[in-house]
PDB file of N, CA and C in Angstrom:
ATOM      1  N   MET A   1    -103.553 -94.158  -3.727  1.00  0.00           N
ATOM      2  CA  MET A   1    -102.277 -93.521  -3.900  1.00  0.00           C
ATOM      3  C   MET A   1    -101.170 -94.324  -3.225  1.00  0.00           C
ATOM      4  N   LYS A   2    -101.516 -95.052  -2.184  1.00  0.00           N
ATOM      5  CA  LYS A   2    -100.494 -95.854  -1.521  1.00  0.00           C
ATOM      6  C   LYS A   2     -99.938 -96.907  -2.475  1.00  0.00           C
ATOM      7  N   ALA A   3    -100.821 -97.516  -3.257  1.00  0.00           N
ATOM      8  CA  ALA A   3    -100.375 -98.544  -4.204  1.00  0.00           C
ATOM      9  C   ALA A   3     -99.466 -97.944  -5.270  1.00  0.00           C
ATOM     10  N   ALA A   4     -99.796 -96.756  -5.754  1.00  0.00           N
ATOM     11  CA  ALA A   4     -98.979 -96.103  -6.778  1.00  0.00           C
ATOM     12  C   ALA A   4     -97.621 -95.696  -6.200  1.00  0.00           C
ATOM     13  N   THR A   5     -97.599 -95.249  -4.952  1.00  0.00           N
ATOM     14  CA  THR A   5     -96.341 -94.884  -4.305  1.00  0.00           C
ATOM     15  C   THR A   5     -95.452 -96.117  -4.118  1.00  0.00           C
ATOM     16  N   GLU A   6     -96.066 -97.218  -3.696  1.00  0.00           N
ATOM     17  CA  GLU A   6     -95.310 -98.456  -3.529  1.00  0.00           C
ATOM     18  C   GLU A   6     -94.799 -98.976  -4.874  1.00  0.00           C
ATOM     19  N   ALA A   7     -95.608 -98.867  -5.918  1.00  0.00           N
ATOM     20  CA  ALA A   7     -95.181 -99.298  -7.249  1.00  0.00           C
ATOM     21  C   ALA A   7     -93.978 -98.484  -7.728  1.00  0.00           C
ATOM     22  N   LEU A   8     -93.986 -97.189  -7.456  1.00  0.00           N
ATOM     23  CA  LEU A   8     -92.852 -96.347  -7.842  1.00  0.00           C
ATOM     24  C   LEU A   8     -91.594 -96.732  -7.073  1.00  0.00           C
ATOM     25  N   ARG A   9     -91.743 -97.009  -5.794  1.00  0.00           N
ATOM     26  CA  ARG A   9     -90.588 -97.416  -4.990  1.00  0.00           C
ATOM     27  C   ARG A   9     -89.998 -98.719  -5.523  1.00  0.00           C
ATOM     28  N   LEU A  10     -90.860 -99.670  -5.851  1.00  0.00           N
ATOM     29  CA  LEU A  10     -90.383-100.952  -6.371  1.00  0.00           C
ATOM     30  C   LEU A  10     -89.743-100.795  -7.750  1.00  0.00           C
ATOM     31  N   ALA A  11     -90.305 -99.937  -8.580  1.00  0.00           N
ATOM     32  CA  ALA A  11     -89.734 -99.714  -9.909  1.00  0.00           C
ATOM     33  C   ALA A  11     -88.340 -99.097  -9.802  1.00  0.00           C
ATOM     34  N   LYS A  12     -88.173 -98.179  -8.857  1.00  0.00           N
ATOM     35  CA  LYS A  12     -86.847 -97.586  -8.654  1.00  0.00           C
ATOM     36  C   LYS A  12     -85.855 -98.622  -8.144  1.00  0.00           C
ATOM     37  N   THR A  13     -86.323 -99.508  -7.277  1.00  0.00           N
ATOM     38  CA  THR A  13     -85.451-100.577  -6.773  1.00  0.00           C
ATOM     39  C   THR A  13     -85.001-101.491  -7.906  1.00  0.00           C
ATOM     40  N   LEU A  14     -85.936-101.859  -8.772  1.00  0.00           N
ATOM     41  CA  LEU A  14     -85.587-102.701  -9.919  1.00  0.00           C
ATOM     42  C   LEU A  14     -84.598-101.995 -10.843  1.00  0.00           C
ATOM     43  N   GLU A  15     -84.802-100.708 -11.042  1.00  0.00           N
ATOM     44  CA  GLU A  15     -83.899 -99.954 -11.920  1.00  0.00           C
ATOM     45  C   GLU A  15     -82.489 -99.897 -11.338  1.00  0.00           C
ATOM     46  N   GLU A  16     -82.387 -99.690 -10.023  1.00  0.00           N
ATOM     47  CA  GLU A  16     -81.074 -99.677  -9.377  1.00  0.00           C
ATOM     48  C   GLU A  16     -80.398-101.047  -9.484  1.00  0.00           C
ATOM     49  N   GLY A  17     -81.181-102.113  -9.318  1.00  0.00           N
ATOM     50  CA  GLY A  17     -80.635-103.454  -9.445  1.00  0.00           C
ATOM     51  C   GLY A  17     -80.148-103.743 -10.859  1.00  0.00           C
ATOM     52  N   GLU A  18     -80.931-103.304 -11.838  1.00  0.00           N
ATOM     53  CA  GLU A  18     -80.524-103.509 -13.237  1.00  0.00           C
ATOM     54  C   GLU A  18     -79.267-102.710 -13.563  1.00  0.00           C
ATOM     55  N   ARG A  19     -79.152-101.516 -13.009  1.00  0.00           N
ATOM     56  CA  ARG A  19     -77.955-100.702 -13.232  1.00  0.00           C
ATOM     57  C   ARG A  19     -76.730-101.374 -12.593  1.00  0.00           C
ATOM     58  N   THR A  20     -76.925-101.967 -11.418  1.00  0.00           N
ATOM     59  CA  THR A  20     -75.832-102.691 -10.766  1.00  0.00           C
ATOM     60  C   THR A  20     -75.406-103.890 -11.614  1.00  0.00           C
ATOM     61  N   ARG A  21     -76.385-104.620 -12.132  1.00  0.00           N
ATOM     62  CA  ARG A  21     -76.073-105.756 -13.014  1.00  0.00           C
ATOM     63  C   ARG A  21     -75.322-105.286 -14.257  1.00  0.00           C
ATOM     64  N   PHE A  22     -75.723-104.130 -14.805  1.00  0.00           N
ATOM     65  CA  PHE A  22     -75.042-103.600 -15.985  1.00  0.00           C
ATOM     66  C   PHE A  22     -73.592-103.241 -15.658  1.00  0.00           C
ATOM     67  N   ASN A  23     -73.378-102.627 -14.496  1.00  0.00           N
ATOM     68  CA  ASN A  23     -72.019-102.260 -14.096  1.00  0.00           C
ATOM     69  C   ASN A  23     -71.136-103.492 -13.884  1.00  0.00           C
ATOM     70  N   MET A  24     -71.768-104.613 -13.518  1.00  0.00           N
ATOM     71  CA  MET A  24     -71.018-105.850 -13.327  1.00  0.00           C
ATOM     72  C   MET A  24     -70.847-106.617 -14.635  1.00  0.00           C
ATOM     73  N   GLY A  25     -71.526-106.185 -15.701  1.00  0.00           N
ATOM     74  CA  GLY A  25     -71.404-106.827 -16.995  1.00  0.00           C
ATOM     75  C   GLY A  25     -72.418-107.921 -17.254  1.00  0.00           C
ATOM     76  N   ALA A  26     -73.439-108.049 -16.394  1.00  0.00           N
ATOM     77  CA  ALA A  26     -74.428-109.116 -16.529  1.00  0.00           C
ATOM     78  C   ALA A  26     -75.690-108.657 -17.251  1.00  0.00           C
ATOM     79  N   SER A  27     -75.740-107.423 -17.696  1.00  0.00           N
ATOM     80  CA  SER A  27     -76.933-106.896 -18.348  1.00  0.00           C
ATOM     81  C   SER A  27     -76.504-105.978 -19.488  1.00  0.00           C
ATOM     82  N   SER A  28     -77.493-105.496 -20.224  1.00  0.00           N
ATOM     83  CA  SER A  28     -77.185-104.603 -21.339  1.00  0.00           C
ATOM     84  C   SER A  28     -77.877-103.255 -21.133  1.00  0.00           C
ATOM     85  N   VAL A  29     -77.508-102.303 -21.976  1.00  0.00           N
ATOM     86  CA  VAL A  29     -78.097-100.962 -21.906  1.00  0.00           C
ATOM     87  C   VAL A  29     -79.598-101.028 -22.183  1.00  0.00           C
ATOM     88  N   LEU A  30     -80.010-101.961 -23.017  1.00  0.00           N
ATOM     89  CA  LEU A  30     -81.432-102.103 -23.352  1.00  0.00           C
ATOM     90  C   LEU A  30     -82.264-102.345 -22.100  1.00  0.00           C
ATOM     91  N   PHE A  31     -81.819-103.275 -21.252  1.00  0.00           N
ATOM     92  CA  PHE A  31     -82.594-103.597 -20.044  1.00  0.00           C
ATOM     93  C   PHE A  31     -82.569-102.449 -19.038  1.00  0.00           C
ATOM     94  N   VAL A  32     -81.448-101.743 -18.951  1.00  0.00           N
ATOM     95  CA  VAL A  32     -81.385-100.576 -18.070  1.00  0.00           C
ATOM     96  C   VAL A  32     -82.372 -99.521 -18.561  1.00  0.00           C
ATOM     97  N   ASN A  33     -82.393 -99.311 -19.873  1.00  0.00           N
ATOM     98  CA  ASN A  33     -83.311 -98.333 -20.456  1.00  0.00           C
ATOM     99  C   ASN A  33     -84.766 -98.738 -20.211  1.00  0.00           C
ATOM    100  N   LEU A  34     -85.077-100.013 -20.332  1.00  0.00           N
ATOM    101  CA  LEU A  34     -86.451-100.475 -20.086  1.00  0.00           C
ATOM    102  C   LEU A  34     -86.856-100.224 -18.626  1.00  0.00           C
ATOM    103  N   ARG A  35     -85.929-100.469 -17.702  1.00  0.00           N
ATOM    104  CA  ARG A  35     -86.227-100.215 -16.285  1.00  0.00           C
ATOM    105  C   ARG A  35     -86.429 -98.716 -16.029  1.00  0.00           C
ATOM    106  N   GLU A  36     -85.612 -97.882 -16.679  1.00  0.00           N
ATOM    107  CA  GLU A  36     -85.764 -96.430 -16.521  1.00  0.00           C
ATOM    108  C   GLU A  36     -87.112 -95.970 -17.055  1.00  0.00           C
ATOM    109  N   ARG A  37     -87.510 -96.501 -18.200  1.00  0.00           N
ATOM    110  CA  ARG A  37     -88.819 -96.137 -18.759  1.00  0.00           C
ATOM    111  C   ARG A  37     -89.952 -96.583 -17.849  1.00  0.00           C
ATOM    112  N   ASN A  38     -89.774 -97.741 -17.213  1.00  0.00           N
ATOM    113  CA  ASN A  38     -90.786 -98.228 -16.278  1.00  0.00           C
ATOM    114  C   ASN A  38     -90.916 -97.289 -15.081  1.00  0.00           C
ATOM    115  N   VAL A  39     -89.794 -96.758 -14.604  1.00  0.00           N
ATOM    116  CA  VAL A  39     -89.825 -95.801 -13.491  1.00  0.00           C
ATOM    117  C   VAL A  39     -90.581 -94.540 -13.903  1.00  0.00           C
ATOM    118  N   VAL A  40     -90.317 -94.048 -15.111  1.00  0.00           N
ATOM    119  CA  VAL A  40     -91.002 -92.835 -15.582  1.00  0.00           C
ATOM    120  C   VAL A  40     -92.502 -93.087 -15.728  1.00  0.00           C
ATOM    121  N   ASP A  41     -92.877 -94.222 -16.293  1.00  0.00           N
ATOM    122  CA  ASP A  41     -94.305 -94.546 -16.439  1.00  0.00           C
ATOM    123  C   ASP A  41     -94.992 -94.663 -15.081  1.00  0.00           C
ATOM    124  N   THR A  42     -94.323 -95.298 -14.135  1.00  0.00           N
ATOM    125  CA  THR A  42     -94.897 -95.464 -12.799  1.00  0.00           C
ATOM    126  C   THR A  42     -95.017 -94.115 -12.089  1.00  0.00           C
ATOM    127  N   ALA A  43     -94.020 -93.252 -12.261  1.00  0.00           N
ATOM    128  CA  ALA A  43     -94.090 -91.919 -11.659  1.00  0.00           C
ATOM    129  C   ALA A  43     -95.251 -91.122 -12.245  1.00  0.00           C
ATOM    130  N   TYR A  44     -95.465 -91.260 -13.561  1.00  0.00           N
ATOM    131  CA  TYR A  44     -96.594 -90.579 -14.201  1.00  0.00           C
ATOM    132  C   TYR A  44     -97.912 -91.069 -13.616  1.00  0.00           C
ATOM    133  N   LYS A  45     -98.015 -92.374 -13.400  1.00  0.00           N
ATOM    134  CA  LYS A  45     -99.253 -92.925 -12.825  1.00  0.00           C
ATOM    135  C   LYS A  45     -99.472 -92.411 -11.400  1.00  0.00           C
ATOM    136  N   LEU A  46     -98.381 -92.262 -10.650  1.00  0.00           N
ATOM    137  CA  LEU A  46     -98.510 -91.715  -9.301  1.00  0.00           C
ATOM    138  C   LEU A  46     -98.987 -90.273  -9.354  1.00  0.00           C
ATOM    139  N   TYR A  47     -98.404 -89.468 -10.216  1.00  0.00           N
ATOM    140  CA  TYR A  47     -98.826 -88.066 -10.329  1.00  0.00           C
ATOM    141  C   TYR A  47    -100.260 -87.960 -10.823  1.00  0.00           C
ATOM    142  N   GLN A  48    -100.672 -88.848 -11.713  1.00  0.00           N
ATOM    143  CA  GLN A  48    -102.054 -88.853 -12.188  1.00  0.00           C
ATOM    144  C   GLN A  48    -103.007 -89.222 -11.041  1.00  0.00           C
ATOM    145  N   ALA A  49    -102.613 -90.175 -10.206  1.00  0.00           N
ATOM    146  CA  ALA A  49    -103.428 -90.547  -9.053  1.00  0.00           C
ATOM    147  C   ALA A  49    -103.535 -89.388  -8.067  1.00  0.00           C
ATOM    148  N   GLN A  50    -102.438 -88.667  -7.848  1.00  0.00           N
ATOM    149  CA  GLN A  50    -102.480 -87.510  -6.955  1.00  0.00           C
ATOM    150  C   GLN A  50    -103.388 -86.421  -7.512  1.00  0.00           C
ATOM    151  N   TYR A  51    -103.317 -86.201  -8.812  1.00  0.00           N
ATOM    152  CA  TYR A  51    -104.179 -85.202  -9.455  1.00  0.00           C
ATOM    153  C   TYR A  51    -105.646 -85.598  -9.323  1.00  0.00           C
ATOM    154  N   ASP A  52    -105.958 -86.868  -9.611  1.00  0.00           N
ATOM    155  CA  ASP A  52    -107.339 -87.328  -9.516  1.00  0.00           C
ATOM    156  C   ASP A  52    -107.867 -87.198  -8.088  1.00  0.00           C
ATOM    157  N   TYR A  53    -107.025 -87.530  -7.108  1.00  0.00           N
ATOM    158  CA  TYR A  53    -107.433 -87.420  -5.711  1.00  0.00           C
ATOM    159  C   TYR A  53    -107.718 -85.966  -5.343  1.00  0.00           C
ATOM    160  N   THR A  54    -106.813 -85.074  -5.735  1.00  0.00           N
ATOM    161  CA  THR A  54    -106.985 -83.657  -5.404  1.00  0.00           C
ATOM    162  C   THR A  54    -108.232 -83.090  -6.072  1.00  0.00           C
ATOM    163  N   LEU A  55    -108.453 -83.456  -7.326  1.00  0.00           N
ATOM    164  CA  LEU A  55    -109.628 -82.979  -8.041  1.00  0.00           C
ATOM    165  C   LEU A  55    -110.908 -83.502  -7.394  1.00  0.00           C
ATOM    166  N   SER A  56    -110.923 -84.767  -7.029  1.00  0.00           N
ATOM    167  CA  SER A  56    -112.110 -85.348  -6.394  1.00  0.00           C
ATOM    168  C   SER A  56    -112.366 -84.721  -5.028  1.00  0.00           C
ATOM    169  N   ARG A  57    -111.301 -84.497  -4.273  1.00  0.00           N
ATOM    170  CA  ARG A  57    -111.460 -83.889  -2.954  1.00  0.00           C
ATOM    171  C   ARG A  57    -112.000 -82.464  -3.080  1.00  0.00           C
ATOM    172  N   GLY A  58    -111.489 -81.721  -4.046  1.00  0.00           N
ATOM    173  CA  GLY A  58    -112.007 -80.375  -4.263  1.00  0.00           C
ATOM    174  C   GLY A  58    -113.469 -80.383  -4.661  1.00  0.00           C
ATOM    175  N   GLY A  59    -113.853 -81.325  -5.511  1.00  0.00           N
ATOM    176  CA  GLY A  59    -115.259 -81.443  -5.901  1.00  0.00           C
ATOM    177  C   GLY A  59    -116.147 -81.793  -4.726  1.00  0.00           C
ATOM    178  N   MET A  60    -115.659 -82.671  -3.850  1.00  0.00           N
ATOM    179  CA  MET A  60    -116.441 -83.040  -2.682  1.00  0.00           C
ATOM    180  C   MET A  60    -116.587 -81.857  -1.729  1.00  0.00           C
ATOM    181  N   LEU A  61    -115.495 -81.124  -1.519  1.00  0.00           N
ATOM    182  CA  LEU A  61    -115.575 -79.953  -0.638  1.00  0.00           C
ATOM    183  C   LEU A  61    -116.489 -78.887  -1.225  1.00  0.00           C
ATOM    184  N   TRP A  62    -116.455 -78.721  -2.537  1.00  0.00           N
ATOM    185  CA  TRP A  62    -117.345 -77.746  -3.171  1.00  0.00           C
ATOM    186  C   TRP A  62    -118.795 -78.175  -3.013  1.00  0.00           C
ATOM    187  N   ALA A  63    -119.062 -79.478  -3.202  1.00  0.00           N
ATOM    188  CA  ALA A  63    -120.442 -79.969  -3.075  1.00  0.00           C
ATOM    189  C   ALA A  63    -120.956 -79.810  -1.644  1.00  0.00           C
ATOM    190  N   LYS A  64    -120.078 -79.946  -0.662  1.00  0.00           N
ATOM    191  CA  LYS A  64    -120.475 -79.760   0.731  1.00  0.00           C
ATOM    192  C   LYS A  64    -120.654 -78.294   1.087  1.00  0.00           C
ATOM    193  N   GLY A  65    -120.137 -77.407   0.246  1.00  0.00           N
ATOM    194  CA  GLY A  65    -120.223 -75.983   0.531  1.00  0.00           C
ATOM    195  C   GLY A  65    -119.081 -75.481   1.387  1.00  0.00           C
ATOM    196  N   ALA A  66    -118.061 -76.290   1.555  1.00  0.00           N
ATOM    197  CA  ALA A  66    -116.937 -75.903   2.404  1.00  0.00           C
ATOM    198  C   ALA A  66    -116.015 -74.908   1.716  1.00  0.00           C
ATOM    199  N   LEU A  67    -116.122 -74.761   0.411  1.00  0.00           N
ATOM    200  CA  LEU A  67    -115.249 -73.839  -0.304  1.00  0.00           C
ATOM    201  C   LEU A  67    -115.887 -72.477  -0.543  1.00  0.00           C
ATOM    202  N   ALA A  68    -117.140 -72.306  -0.135  1.00  0.00           N
ATOM    203  CA  ALA A  68    -117.821 -71.042  -0.355  1.00  0.00           C
ATOM    204  C   ALA A  68    -117.250 -69.971   0.578  1.00  0.00           C
ATOM    205  N   LYS A  69    -117.120 -68.771   0.044  1.00  0.00           N
ATOM    206  CA  LYS A  69    -116.651 -67.661   0.859  1.00  0.00           C
ATOM    207  C   LYS A  69    -117.806 -67.170   1.734  1.00  0.00           C
ATOM    208  N   PRO A  70    -117.526 -66.772   2.947  1.00  0.00           N
ATOM    209  CA  PRO A  70    -118.606 -66.232   3.782  1.00  0.00           C
ATOM    210  C   PRO A  70    -119.066 -64.873   3.256  1.00  0.00           C
ATOM    211  N   TRP A  71    -120.369 -64.661   3.247  1.00  0.00           N
ATOM    212  CA  TRP A  71    -120.925 -63.405   2.768  1.00  0.00           C
ATOM    213  C   TRP A  71    -120.918 -62.382   3.891  1.00  0.00           C
ATOM    214  N   PRO A  72    -120.680 -61.122   3.568  1.00  0.00           N
ATOM    215  CA  PRO A  72    -120.741 -60.077   4.599  1.00  0.00           C
ATOM    216  C   PRO A  72    -122.159 -59.957   5.162  1.00  0.00           C
ATOM    217  N   GLU A  73    -122.241 -59.597   6.418  1.00  0.00           N
ATOM    218  CA  GLU A  73    -123.550 -59.477   7.079  1.00  0.00           C
ATOM    219  C   GLU A  73    -124.435 -58.435   6.392  1.00  0.00           C
ATOM    220  N   SER A  74    -123.838 -57.379   5.851  1.00  0.00           N
ATOM    221  CA  SER A  74    -124.637 -56.341   5.201  1.00  0.00           C
ATOM    222  C   SER A  74    -125.353 -56.906   3.969  1.00  0.00           C
ATOM    223  N   GLU A  75    -124.688 -57.793   3.223  1.00  0.00           N
ATOM    224  CA  GLU A  75    -125.312 -58.394   2.042  1.00  0.00           C
ATOM    225  C   GLU A  75    -126.382 -59.397   2.447  1.00  0.00           C
ATOM    226  N   LEU A  76    -126.110 -60.189   3.476  1.00  0.00           N
ATOM    227  CA  LEU A  76    -127.098 -61.169   3.935  1.00  0.00           C
ATOM    228  C   LEU A  76    -128.348 -60.469   4.454  1.00  0.00           C
ATOM    229  N   ALA A  77    -128.170 -59.322   5.094  1.00  0.00           N
ATOM    230  CA  ALA A  77    -129.322 -58.592   5.623  1.00  0.00           C
ATOM    231  C   ALA A  77    -130.223 -58.127   4.489  1.00  0.00           C
ATOM    232  N   LYS A  78    -129.636 -57.746   3.351  1.00  0.00           N
ATOM    233  CA  LYS A  78    -130.457 -57.302   2.212  1.00  0.00           C
ATOM    234  C   LYS A  78    -131.324 -58.433   1.695  1.00  0.00           C
ATOM    235  N   TYR A  79    -130.772 -59.619   1.608  1.00  0.00           N
ATOM    236  CA  TYR A  79    -131.527 -60.734   1.039  1.00  0.00           C
ATOM    237  C   TYR A  79    -132.464 -61.376   2.055  1.00  0.00           C
ATOM    238  N   GLY A  80    -132.216 -61.147   3.323  1.00  0.00           N
ATOM    239  CA  GLY A  80    -133.082 -61.736   4.338  1.00  0.00           C
ATOM    240  C   GLY A  80    -134.335 -60.925   4.605  1.00  0.00           C
ATOM    241  N   ASP A  81    -134.330 -59.645   4.281  1.00  0.00           N
ATOM    242  CA  ASP A  81    -135.487 -58.780   4.537  1.00  0.00           C
ATOM    243  C   ASP A  81    -136.356 -58.753   3.291  1.00  0.00           C
ATOM    244  N   PRO A  82    -137.617 -59.173   3.363  1.00  0.00           N
ATOM    245  CA  PRO A  82    -138.458 -59.197   2.163  1.00  0.00           C
ATOM    246  C   PRO A  82    -138.710 -57.823   1.565  1.00  0.00           C
ATOM    247  N   LEU A  83    -138.583 -56.752   2.353  1.00  0.00           N
ATOM    248  CA  LEU A  83    -138.817 -55.426   1.803  1.00  0.00           C
ATOM    249  C   LEU A  83    -137.666 -54.961   0.909  1.00  0.00           C
ATOM    250  N   THR A  84    -136.469 -55.489   1.161  1.00  0.00           N
ATOM    251  CA  THR A  84    -135.324 -55.069   0.358  1.00  0.00           C
ATOM    252  C   THR A  84    -134.788 -56.203  -0.514  1.00  0.00           C
ATOM    253  N   ALA A  85    -135.470 -57.326  -0.535  1.00  0.00           N
ATOM    254  CA  ALA A  85    -134.995 -58.462  -1.341  1.00  0.00           C
ATOM    255  C   ALA A  85    -135.096 -58.118  -2.824  1.00  0.00           C
ATOM    256  N   ALA A  86    -134.329 -58.813  -3.634  1.00  0.00           N
ATOM    257  CA  ALA A  86    -134.298 -58.549  -5.075  1.00  0.00           C
ATOM    258  C   ALA A  86    -135.687 -58.726  -5.678  1.00  0.00           C
ATOM    259  N   GLY A  87    -136.117 -57.742  -6.451  1.00  0.00           N
ATOM    260  CA  GLY A  87    -137.394 -57.825  -7.147  1.00  0.00           C
ATOM    261  C   GLY A  87    -138.579 -57.383  -6.314  1.00  0.00           C
ATOM    262  N   MET A  88    -138.364 -57.011  -5.106  1.00  0.00           N
ATOM    263  CA  MET A  88    -139.474 -56.612  -4.244  1.00  0.00           C
ATOM    264  C   MET A  88    -139.361 -55.116  -3.957  1.00  0.00           C
ATOM    265  N   SER A  89    -140.450 -54.404  -4.058  1.00  0.00           N
ATOM    266  CA  SER A  89    -140.444 -52.977  -3.765  1.00  0.00           C
ATOM    267  C   SER A  89    -140.991 -52.694  -2.371  1.00  0.00           C
ATOM    268  N   GLY A  90    -141.496 -53.704  -1.705  1.00  0.00           N
ATOM    269  CA  GLY A  90    -142.075 -53.494  -0.390  1.00  0.00           C
ATOM    270  C   GLY A  90    -143.589 -53.350  -0.442  1.00  0.00           C
ATOM    271  N   PHE A  91    -144.139 -53.231  -1.646  1.00  0.00           N
ATOM    272  CA  PHE A  91    -145.583 -53.106  -1.803  1.00  0.00           C
ATOM    273  C   PHE A  91    -146.144 -54.388  -2.372  1.00  0.00           C
ATOM    274  N   LYS A  92    -147.268 -54.817  -1.819  1.00  0.00           N
ATOM    275  CA  LYS A  92    -147.913 -56.007  -2.368  1.00  0.00           C
ATOM    276  C   LYS A  92    -148.574 -55.666  -3.688  1.00  0.00           C
ATOM    277  N   ARG A  93    -148.443 -56.568  -4.619  1.00  0.00           N
ATOM    278  CA  ARG A  93    -149.069 -56.382  -5.920  1.00  0.00           C
ATOM    279  C   ARG A  93    -150.130 -57.436  -6.098  1.00  0.00           C
ATOM    280  N   PRO A  94    -151.209 -57.090  -6.754  1.00  0.00           N
ATOM    281  CA  PRO A  94    -152.268 -58.084  -6.945  1.00  0.00           C
ATOM    282  C   PRO A  94    -151.762 -59.237  -7.795  1.00  0.00           C
ATOM    283  N   GLY A  95    -152.065 -60.453  -7.335  1.00  0.00           N
ATOM    284  CA  GLY A  95    -151.685 -61.633  -8.084  1.00  0.00           C
ATOM    285  C   GLY A  95    -150.279 -62.150  -7.780  1.00  0.00           C
ATOM    286  N   ARG A  96    -149.524 -61.400  -7.010  1.00  0.00           N
ATOM    287  CA  ARG A  96    -148.159 -61.858  -6.703  1.00  0.00           C
ATOM    288  C   ARG A  96    -148.027 -62.350  -5.276  1.00  0.00           C
ATOM    289  N   ASP A  97    -148.403 -61.541  -4.325  1.00  0.00           N
ATOM    290  CA  ASP A  97    -148.138 -61.898  -2.924  1.00  0.00           C
ATOM    291  C   ASP A  97    -149.354 -62.437  -2.304  1.00  0.00           C
TER     292      ASP A  97
END
């Protein structure tokens, strides 16, 4: 993202310089327009880089389990006790336990 931010800063500098040249009569509207389009394209690339970074960071945090909500103790107690766990009635069945 640092490279994209620097590219945007440089593109804006070039656009300002081209506008100054146009005001002095040394350039045309075509070149000013090309510099403006370059600024817009560079800004889009910066926003795309920020989006990709945010998406990747969210995926990494999700994979680490950092985005999971903490479960209430009452729910954890149900799943931790084999007598009350899902699918268990508390009685051993032949062939299962």
